Every structure is written in C-alpha cells, then in structure tokens.
C-alpha atoms as a PDB file:
ATOM      1  CA  MET A   1     136.821  91.324 177.107  1.00  0.00           C
ATOM      2  CA  THR A   2     136.190  93.398 180.233  1.00  0.00           C
ATOM      3  CA  LYS A   3     136.247  97.194 180.074  1.00  0.00           C
ATOM      4  CA  LYS A   4     139.457  97.298 182.145  1.00  0.00           C
ATOM      5  CA  ILE A   5     141.332  94.890 179.865  1.00  0.00           C
ATOM      6  CA  TYR A   6     140.014  96.659 176.771  1.00  0.00           C
ATOM      7  CA  PHE A   7     141.222 100.011 178.114  1.00  0.00           C
ATOM      8  CA  LEU A   8     144.700  98.621 178.819  1.00  0.00           C
ATOM      9  CA  PHE A   9     144.791  97.137 175.327  1.00  0.00           C
ATOM     10  CA  LEU A  10     143.991 100.540 173.785  1.00  0.00           C
ATOM     11  CA  VAL A  11     146.716 102.200 175.877  1.00  0.00           C
ATOM     12  CA  PHE A  12     149.228  99.613 174.636  1.00  0.00           C
ATOM     13  CA  LEU A  13     148.265 100.278 171.013  1.00  0.00           C
ATOM     14  CA  VAL A  14     148.697 104.023 171.431  1.00  0.00           C
ATOM     15  CA  PHE A  15     152.190 103.666 172.865  1.00  0.00           C
ATOM     16  CA  ALA A  16     153.252 100.958 170.405  1.00  0.00           C
ATOM     17  CA  CYS A  17     152.046 102.854 167.355  1.00  0.00           C
ATOM     18  CA  GLY A  18     153.374 106.155 168.629  1.00  0.00           C
ATOM     19  CA  GLU A  19     156.890 104.850 169.273  1.00  0.00           C
ATOM     20  CA  LYS A  20     159.282 106.117 166.637  1.00  0.00           C
ATOM     21  CA  GLN A  21     160.895 103.276 164.726  1.00  0.00           C
ATOM     22  CA  PRO A  22     164.400 103.597 163.261  1.00  0.00           C
ATOM     23  CA  GLU A  23     164.473 104.471 159.584  1.00  0.00           C
ATOM     24  CA  PHE A  24     166.794 102.480 157.362  1.00  0.00           C
ATOM     25  CA  VAL A  25     167.916 103.381 153.868  1.00  0.00           C
ATOM     26  CA  VAL A  26     166.514 101.167 151.107  1.00  0.00           C
ATOM     27  CA  LYS A  27     169.574  99.650 149.453  1.00  0.00           C
ATOM     28  CA  ALA A  28     170.287 100.898 145.963  1.00  0.00           C
ATOM     29  CA  ASP A  29     173.230 100.189 143.666  1.00  0.00           C
ATOM     30  CA  GLN A  30     174.833 103.470 144.638  1.00  0.00           C
ATOM     31  CA  GLN A  31     178.511 104.052 143.848  1.00  0.00           C
ATOM     32  CA  LEU A  32     178.442 100.893 141.708  1.00  0.00           C
ATOM     33  CA  ARG A  33     181.985  99.704 141.023  1.00  0.00           C
ATOM     34  CA  GLU A  34     183.190  96.744 138.994  1.00  0.00           C
ATOM     35  CA  ILE A  35     185.918  94.894 140.877  1.00  0.00           C
ATOM     36  CA  LYS A  36     188.240  92.685 138.831  1.00  0.00           C
ATOM     37  CA  MET A  37     189.219  89.213 139.961  1.00  0.00           C
ATOM     38  CA  ALA A  38     192.843  88.483 140.842  1.00  0.00           C
ATOM     39  CA  ASN A  39     194.535  85.813 138.729  1.00  0.00           C
ATOM     40  CA  ILE A  40     196.910  85.298 141.657  1.00  0.00           C
ATOM     41  CA  ALA A  41     195.876  86.308 145.175  1.00  0.00           C
ATOM     42  CA  PRO A  42     198.021  89.101 146.621  1.00  0.00           C
ATOM     43  CA  ASP A  43     200.399  88.285 149.440  1.00  0.00           C
ATOM     44  CA  VAL A  44     198.949  90.084 152.473  1.00  0.00           C
ATOM     45  CA  ASP A  45     202.146  91.633 153.824  1.00  0.00           C
ATOM     46  CA  GLY A  46     201.535  95.387 153.795  1.00  0.00           C
ATOM     47  CA  ILE A  47     203.708  95.841 150.704  1.00  0.00           C
ATOM     48  CA  ALA A  48     201.880  96.987 147.580  1.00  0.00           C
ATOM     49  CA  ASP A  49     204.143  95.248 145.056  1.00  0.00           C
ATOM     50  CA  ASP A  50     201.921  92.329 144.043  1.00  0.00           C
ATOM     51  CA  PRO A  51     201.316  92.161 140.259  1.00  0.00           C
ATOM     52  CA  THR A  52     197.553  91.917 140.814  1.00  0.00           C
ATOM     53  CA  TRP A  53     197.440  95.429 142.325  1.00  0.00           C
ATOM     54  CA  GLN A  54     199.172  97.097 139.394  1.00  0.00           C
ATOM     55  CA  ASP A  55     196.129  97.401 137.117  1.00  0.00           C
ATOM     56  CA  LYS A  56     193.511  97.961 139.838  1.00  0.00           C
ATOM     57  CA  THR A  57     191.811 101.340 140.336  1.00  0.00           C
ATOM     58  CA  TRP A  58     192.461 103.675 143.263  1.00  0.00           C
ATOM     59  CA  TYR A  59     189.298 104.966 144.969  1.00  0.00           C
ATOM     60  CA  PRO A  60     189.297 107.840 147.475  1.00  0.00           C
ATOM     61  CA  ILE A  61     188.478 107.832 151.178  1.00  0.00           C
ATOM     62  CA  ASP A  62     187.423 111.472 151.336  1.00  0.00           C
ATOM     63  CA  GLN A  63     183.909 111.809 152.798  1.00  0.00           C
ATOM     64  CA  ARG A  64     183.850 113.428 156.254  1.00  0.00           C
ATOM     65  CA  TRP A  65     181.316 111.495 158.338  1.00  0.00           C
ATOM     66  CA  LEU A  66     182.299 112.935 161.724  1.00  0.00           C
ATOM     67  CA  GLY A  67     184.517 115.734 162.975  1.00  0.00           C
ATOM     68  CA  LYS A  68     185.726 119.119 161.799  1.00  0.00           C
ATOM     69  CA  LYS A  69     187.464 119.854 158.535  1.00  0.00           C
ATOM     70  CA  TYR A  70     190.978 118.456 158.356  1.00  0.00           C
ATOM     71  CA  LYS A  71     194.062 119.190 156.303  1.00  0.00           C
ATOM     72  CA  GLU A  72     195.515 116.731 153.819  1.00  0.00           C
ATOM     73  CA  ASP A  73     198.729 116.343 155.835  1.00  0.00           C
ATOM     74  CA  ASP A  74     196.575 115.316 158.845  1.00  0.00           C
ATOM     75  CA  PHE A  75     194.713 112.686 156.831  1.00  0.00           C
ATOM     76  CA  SER A  76     194.320 111.436 153.295  1.00  0.00           C
ATOM     77  CA  GLY A  77     193.339 107.991 152.131  1.00  0.00           C
ATOM     78  CA  ARG A  78     192.631 105.809 149.114  1.00  0.00           C
ATOM     79  CA  PHE A  79     192.093 102.110 148.434  1.00  0.00           C
ATOM     80  CA  LYS A  80     192.010  99.318 145.858  1.00  0.00           C
ATOM     81  CA  LEU A  81     189.997  96.091 145.739  1.00  0.00           C
ATOM     82  CA  THR A  82     190.295  92.677 144.165  1.00  0.00           C
ATOM     83  CA  TRP A  83     188.876  89.232 144.864  1.00  0.00           C
ATOM     84  CA  THR A  84     189.324  85.491 144.522  1.00  0.00           C
ATOM     85  CA  PRO A  85     186.635  82.820 144.981  1.00  0.00           C
ATOM     86  CA  ASP A  86     187.483  82.589 148.681  1.00  0.00           C
ATOM     87  CA  ALA A  87     188.101  86.207 149.748  1.00  0.00           C
ATOM     88  CA  LEU A  88     187.842  89.941 149.110  1.00  0.00           C
ATOM     89  CA  TYR A  89     191.166  91.812 149.240  1.00  0.00           C
ATOM     90  CA  VAL A  90     191.730  95.434 150.241  1.00  0.00           C
ATOM     91  CA  LEU A  91     194.803  97.592 149.723  1.00  0.00           C
ATOM     92  CA  ALA A  92     194.546 100.908 151.590  1.00  0.00           C
ATOM     93  CA  GLU A  93     197.038 103.766 151.596  1.00  0.00           C
ATOM     94  CA  ILE A  94     196.553 106.045 154.604  1.00  0.00           C
ATOM     95  CA  THR A  95     198.490 109.242 155.285  1.00  0.00           C
ATOM     96  CA  ASP A  96     198.108 110.176 158.957  1.00  0.00           C
ATOM     97  CA  ASP A  97     200.481 112.492 160.828  1.00  0.00           C
ATOM     98  CA  LYS A  98     199.946 110.686 164.155  1.00  0.00           C
ATOM     99  CA  LEU A  99     198.913 107.114 164.914  1.00  0.00           C
ATOM    100  CA  TYR A 100     197.083 106.743 168.224  1.00  0.00           C
ATOM    101  CA  ASP A 101     196.119 103.602 170.139  1.00  0.00           C
ATOM    102  CA  ALA A 102     195.213 104.387 173.750  1.00  0.00           C
ATOM    103  CA  HIS A 103     193.095 101.360 174.665  1.00  0.00           C
ATOM    104  CA  GLU A 104     195.018  98.184 175.410  1.00  0.00           C
ATOM    105  CA  ASN A 105     191.827  96.130 175.614  1.00  0.00           C
ATOM    106  CA  PRO A 106     190.766  95.586 171.959  1.00  0.00           C
ATOM    107  CA  LEU A 107     187.072  95.532 172.970  1.00  0.00           C
ATOM    108  CA  GLU A 108     187.177  98.869 174.808  1.00  0.00           C
ATOM    109  CA  ARG A 109     186.294 102.065 172.879  1.00  0.00           C
ATOM    110  CA  PHE A 110     187.923 100.611 169.770  1.00  0.00           C
ATOM    111  CA  TRP A 111     186.285 103.272 167.566  1.00  0.00           C
ATOM    112  CA  ASP A 112     188.176 106.042 169.398  1.00  0.00           C
ATOM    113  CA  ASP A 113     191.610 104.712 168.415  1.00  0.00           C
ATOM    114  CA  ASP A 114     193.054 104.987 164.934  1.00  0.00           C
ATOM    115  CA  CYS A 115     191.644 102.095 162.921  1.00  0.00           C
ATOM    116  CA  LEU A 116     190.562 101.067 159.447  1.00  0.00           C
ATOM    117  CA  GLU A 117     186.879 100.180 159.282  1.00  0.00           C
ATOM    118  CA  ILE A 118     185.658  97.843 156.532  1.00  0.00           C
ATOM    119  CA  PHE A 119     181.918  97.454 155.919  1.00  0.00           C
ATOM    120  CA  VAL A 120     180.692  94.355 154.064  1.00  0.00           C
ATOM    121  CA  ASP A 121     177.140  93.288 153.161  1.00  0.00           C
ATOM    122  CA  GLU A 122     177.404  89.848 151.550  1.00  0.00           C
ATOM    123  CA  ASP A 123     174.128  89.922 149.597  1.00  0.00           C
ATOM    124  CA  ASN A 124     173.835  93.714 149.110  1.00  0.00           C
ATOM    125  CA  SER A 125     170.458  93.660 150.887  1.00  0.00           C
ATOM    126  CA  GLY A 126     171.030  96.698 153.115  1.00  0.00           C
ATOM    127  CA  GLY A 127     168.970  97.273 156.239  1.00  0.00           C
ATOM    128  CA  ASP A 128     169.653  96.970 159.953  1.00  0.00           C
ATOM    129  CA  HIS A 129     172.804  95.063 160.947  1.00  0.00           C
ATOM    130  CA  GLN A 130     173.466  96.560 164.377  1.00  0.00           C
ATOM    131  CA  TYR A 131     172.843  93.380 166.375  1.00  0.00           C
ATOM    132  CA  ASN A 132     172.807  90.743 163.642  1.00  0.00           C
ATOM    133  CA  TYR A 133     175.104  89.409 160.925  1.00  0.00           C
ATOM    134  CA  SER A 134     173.307  90.556 157.792  1.00  0.00           C
ATOM    135  CA  ALA A 135     176.318  92.854 157.342  1.00  0.00           C
ATOM    136  CA  PHE A 136     179.562  93.538 159.189  1.00  0.00           C
ATOM    137  CA  ALA A 137     181.453  96.647 160.279  1.00  0.00           C
ATOM    138  CA  TYR A 138     184.959  95.343 160.885  1.00  0.00           C
ATOM    139  CA  HIS A 139     187.138  97.718 162.936  1.00  0.00           C
ATOM    140  CA  VAL A 140     190.722  96.734 162.099  1.00  0.00           C
ATOM    141  CA  ALA A 141     192.977  98.064 164.854  1.00  0.00           C
ATOM    142  CA  LEU A 142     196.622  99.070 164.552  1.00  0.00           C
ATOM    143  CA  ASP A 143     197.612  95.799 166.232  1.00  0.00           C
ATOM    144  CA  GLY A 144     195.520  93.743 163.771  1.00  0.00           C
ATOM    145  CA  ASN A 145     192.616  92.890 166.086  1.00  0.00           C
ATOM    146  CA  VAL A 146     189.230  92.970 164.340  1.00  0.00           C
ATOM    147  CA  VAL A 147     186.121  94.036 166.270  1.00  0.00           C
ATOM    148  CA  ASP A 148     182.412  94.314 165.515  1.00  0.00           C
ATOM    149  CA  THR A 149     179.224  94.219 167.565  1.00  0.00           C
ATOM    150  CA  ALA A 150     177.747  90.776 168.207  1.00  0.00           C
ATOM    151  CA  GLU A 151     174.066  89.798 168.395  1.00  0.00           C
ATOM    152  CA  ASN A 152     174.069  90.308 172.174  1.00  0.00           C
ATOM    153  CA  GLY A 153     175.104  93.946 171.740  1.00  0.00           C
ATOM    154  CA  ASN A 154     178.644  93.415 173.035  1.00  0.00           C
ATOM    155  CA  ALA A 155     181.873  93.952 171.159  1.00  0.00           C
ATOM    156  CA  GLN A 156     183.417  90.749 169.827  1.00  0.00           C
ATOM    157  CA  LEU A 157     186.650  89.794 168.083  1.00  0.00           C
ATOM    158  CA  PHE A 158     186.314  88.636 164.451  1.00  0.00           C
ATOM    159  CA  ASN A 159     189.994  87.980 163.809  1.00  0.00           C
ATOM    160  CA  SER A 160     189.183  84.874 161.772  1.00  0.00           C
ATOM    161  CA  HIS A 161     187.212  87.020 159.294  1.00  0.00           C
ATOM    162  CA  VAL A 162     189.906  89.589 158.466  1.00  0.00           C
ATOM    163  CA  PHE A 163     193.649  89.045 158.255  1.00  0.00           C
ATOM    164  CA  SER A 164     195.681  92.215 157.768  1.00  0.00           C
ATOM    165  CA  GLN A 165     199.238  93.488 157.698  1.00  0.00           C
ATOM    166  CA  ARG A 166     200.529  97.050 157.509  1.00  0.00           C
ATOM    167  CA  LYS A 167     203.823  98.809 156.847  1.00  0.00           C
ATOM    168  CA  ILE A 168     204.704 102.417 157.686  1.00  0.00           C
ATOM    169  CA  THR A 169     206.918 104.767 155.697  1.00  0.00           C
ATOM    170  CA  GLY A 170     207.025 108.261 157.182  1.00  0.00           C
ATOM    171  CA  ASN A 171     203.417 109.326 157.682  1.00  0.00           C
ATOM    172  CA  THR A 172     202.050 106.793 155.182  1.00  0.00           C
ATOM    173  CA  THR A 173     200.693 103.391 156.178  1.00  0.00           C
ATOM    174  CA  ILE A 174     199.995 100.658 153.649  1.00  0.00           C
ATOM    175  CA  TRP A 175     197.316  98.230 154.863  1.00  0.00           C
ATOM    176  CA  GLU A 176     196.545  94.968 153.138  1.00  0.00           C
ATOM    177  CA  ALA A 177     193.586  92.875 154.256  1.00  0.00           C
ATOM    178  CA  ARG A 178     192.089  89.558 153.287  1.00  0.00           C
ATOM    179  CA  ILE A 179     188.373  89.397 154.144  1.00  0.00           C
ATOM    180  CA  THR A 180     186.590  86.074 154.294  1.00  0.00           C
ATOM    181  CA  ILE A 181     182.929  86.664 153.446  1.00  0.00           C
ATOM    182  CA  PHE A 182     180.061  85.286 155.553  1.00  0.00           C
ATOM    183  CA  ASP A 183     176.333  85.574 154.932  1.00  0.00           C
ATOM    184  CA  LYS A 184     173.523  86.636 157.270  1.00  0.00           C
ATOM    185  CA  ASP A 185     173.151  83.149 158.769  1.00  0.00           C
ATOM    186  CA  PHE A 186     176.656  83.209 160.248  1.00  0.00           C
ATOM    187  CA  ASN A 187     176.782  81.728 163.747  1.00  0.00           C
ATOM    188  CA  PRO A 188     179.918  82.453 165.805  1.00  0.00           C
ATOM    189  CA  CYS A 189     179.140  79.552 168.135  1.00  0.00           C
ATOM    190  CA  GLU A 190     179.196  76.879 165.417  1.00  0.00           C
ATOM    191  CA  PRO A 191     181.489  75.916 162.527  1.00  0.00           C
ATOM    192  CA  TYR A 192     180.246  77.879 159.530  1.00  0.00           C
ATOM    193  CA  LEU A 193     181.324  77.839 155.895  1.00  0.00           C
ATOM    194  CA  ALA A 194     182.340  81.063 154.205  1.00  0.00           C
ATOM    195  CA  THR A 195     180.566  82.310 151.083  1.00  0.00           C
ATOM    196  CA  ASP A 196     182.169  81.510 147.726  1.00  0.00           C
ATOM    197  CA  LEU A 197     182.620  84.568 145.524  1.00  0.00           C
ATOM    198  CA  LYS A 198     181.957  84.485 141.803  1.00  0.00           C
ATOM    199  CA  SER A 199     181.658  86.799 138.829  1.00  0.00           C
ATOM    200  CA  GLY A 200     178.349  88.676 138.707  1.00  0.00           C
ATOM    201  CA  LYS A 201     177.894  88.775 142.475  1.00  0.00           C
ATOM    202  CA  LYS A 202     176.926  92.103 144.062  1.00  0.00           C
ATOM    203  CA  MET A 203     178.022  93.048 147.554  1.00  0.00           C
ATOM    204  CA  GLY A 204     177.519  96.079 149.748  1.00  0.00           C
ATOM    205  CA  PHE A 205     180.806  97.752 150.669  1.00  0.00           C
ATOM    206  CA  ALA A 206     182.322 100.845 152.247  1.00  0.00           C
ATOM    207  CA  ILE A 207     185.604 101.644 153.934  1.00  0.00           C
ATOM    208  CA  ALA A 208     186.469 104.346 156.443  1.00  0.00           C
ATOM    209  CA  TYR A 209     189.182 105.540 158.800  1.00  0.00           C
ATOM    210  CA  CYS A 210     188.863 106.584 162.441  1.00  0.00           C
ATOM    211  CA  ASP A 211     191.467 109.304 163.062  1.00  0.00           C
ATOM    212  CA  ASN A 212     192.559 110.386 166.526  1.00  0.00           C
ATOM    213  CA  ASP A 213     195.654 112.455 167.240  1.00  0.00           C
ATOM    214  CA  GLY A 214     195.493 112.117 171.033  1.00  0.00           C
ATOM    215  CA  SER A 215     192.025 113.148 172.175  1.00  0.00           C
ATOM    216  CA  ALA A 216     189.587 111.340 174.479  1.00  0.00           C
ATOM    217  CA  GLU A 217     187.434 110.593 171.415  1.00  0.00           C
ATOM    218  CA  ARG A 218     188.202 110.190 167.720  1.00  0.00           C
ATOM    219  CA  GLU A 219     188.527 113.534 166.004  1.00  0.00           C
ATOM    220  CA  ASN A 220     187.460 112.473 162.523  1.00  0.00           C
ATOM    221  CA  PHE A 221     185.693 109.637 160.785  1.00  0.00           C
ATOM    222  CA  ILE A 222     186.292 109.674 157.022  1.00  0.00           C
ATOM    223  CA  GLY A 223     184.560 107.282 154.633  1.00  0.00           C
ATOM    224  CA  SER A 224     184.469 106.223 151.009  1.00  0.00           C
ATOM    225  CA  ILE A 225     180.873 107.132 150.172  1.00  0.00           C
ATOM    226  CA  GLU A 226     178.703 110.205 150.631  1.00  0.00           C
ATOM    227  CA  ILE A 227     175.956 109.671 153.195  1.00  0.00           C
ATOM    228  CA  LYS A 228     172.965 111.979 152.888  1.00  0.00           C
ATOM    229  CA  GLY A 229     171.404 113.812 155.841  1.00  0.00           C
ATOM    230  CA  LYS A 230     172.805 115.074 159.118  1.00  0.00           C
ATOM    231  CA  ASP A 231     173.523 111.674 160.678  1.00  0.00           C
ATOM    232  CA  LYS A 232     176.430 110.330 158.634  1.00  0.00           C
ATOM    233  CA  ASN A 233     177.673 107.905 161.286  1.00  0.00           C
ATOM    234  CA  ARG A 234     175.217 105.216 160.143  1.00  0.00           C
ATOM    235  CA  GLY A 235     177.382 102.529 158.609  1.00  0.00           C
ATOM    236  CA  TRP A 236     177.707 100.507 161.807  1.00  0.00           C
ATOM    237  CA  ILE A 237     173.904 100.223 161.953  1.00  0.00           C
ATOM    238  CA  ASP A 238     172.498 100.642 158.437  1.00  0.00           C
ATOM    239  CA  ALA A 239     173.910  98.691 155.491  1.00  0.00           C
ATOM    240  CA  GLY A 240     171.677 100.685 153.159  1.00  0.00           C
ATOM    241  CA  VAL A 241     174.279 103.475 153.090  1.00  0.00           C
ATOM    242  CA  PHE A 242     177.014 101.207 151.686  1.00  0.00           C
ATOM    243  CA  GLY A 243     178.221 101.403 148.117  1.00  0.00           C
ATOM    244  CA  THR A 244     177.881  98.433 145.748  1.00  0.00           C
ATOM    245  CA  LEU A 245     180.553  96.148 144.339  1.00  0.00           C
ATOM    246  CA  LEU A 246     180.000  94.079 141.202  1.00  0.00           C
ATOM    247  CA  LEU A 247     182.527  91.259 141.000  1.00  0.00           C
ATOM    248  CA  VAL A 248     183.815  90.629 137.476  1.00  0.00           C
ATOM    249  CA  GLU A 249     186.469  88.386 135.964  1.00  0.00           C
END
C-alpha cells in the first residue's frame, strides 16, 4: 500500500468512525397488555355495538408527543383491541372539536392533517423501521387512505393492510379498523401472505392521533405510551418505543 493510499484510508476511517449513528431503543416488554381473542370478529362499521367489544378494556391515548398542552374538549382519546387469527382489530374513540383535512393528495403532508396513526411491529423486535418493513406506522386519514413510508423513502398507500370505518356524533368520532399483519419480509411488489395470529404471540404496538385545528402543521401529536427523552416523535422510525401486546384466548 502506497503512502498516499494509506493516508486516504486513515482519513476515511476517521470520518466513518466519527460519524454519529442513530440510537435506537432496545425493545423491552414495556406497557405489556394481554389482548383477548374475539369469538366473533367485529363488523368494521364505525359503530361500537359488537358483542366482542363489550368486555374489552379501554386504554387511554393521553401522552403528548408533540405540541403544547391541550384541553380535554380540544382532544381526548381512548381505544380497545381484539384479534382473530387473521387480523388485529382496533376500536378508537376520539373527541376532537375540529376535524381538519387540508391535503387532497393522500401522499402529501399526511401527518399534518387529522389522522389516526397505528404502529405495529409483528415480531416485537423493535429497532429501525424508517425505510424497511420490520414495523409499520400506518397513518389512517379521515377519508380512509392509509399511508406509511416505503423502502425507497417515499410515501406509499397501504390500503390493503388497514380497512377502517368511522362515525361522528357531535365532537366524538368512533373509528374501527381491521389490520392485516405482515412480517419484516413483506414485499409490496409481490404477492405476500399475511401473518397468522395465535395465542401467546407478542407484538409491538402503539396508537396515536395527529390533531390539527387549521394550522399549516399539526398542532399536537398524542400517543398511547410514554416515550422517554426530549425526542418523543420517534415511533415512525424506532419500533423500540412501542408498547407490547400479548395475544391470549
């Protein structure tokens, strides 16, 4: 190796080793919740009258990830979960004094419109999922479109993953969603089988709401789990901050 090549090699090592790498949370079974199986799958219609929902537990959406403090009449939220072998089901009750959807293109600034965001990590492994499918951050828009970031870094529709319906009464919206679960090897360009769910399976999970009352950017981002540190807007990148579901019969 000549002196010139050796010098360039040393310079490369200095820059490579000195570059700050992103830090990801090591996944723990934080906020561990047992989720009961549904004997009969709920009808996803935005009406919370299915028998399977009656004995399921309400969990709060009350952790402020972004934005200033808000009043309860501006936003409050809670949710329930159940599952069948072929899907995870979410029932969310959101009180929001103003629903806002300024972007007609579903792939444009979707996080700045009012939307329900559902985070799913099929194998509860945590780690980086920004530009891969080891976990998903499904943004469910008011019109039902579902968006996440694809491997190429661009926004992409995942409407085949999440089917939802919602009904509004006054300031309260009932959302129901059926989420088909895919593992880290999912390929959007090829036919791919969903993951079968069964008792004893652990999954990473969180849910949040993007609230905007008419501003250029969302005013609040409220989630279901406490995220430590100053940067709480990490769920779309780091599955290590998700809670943990334990599926039980």
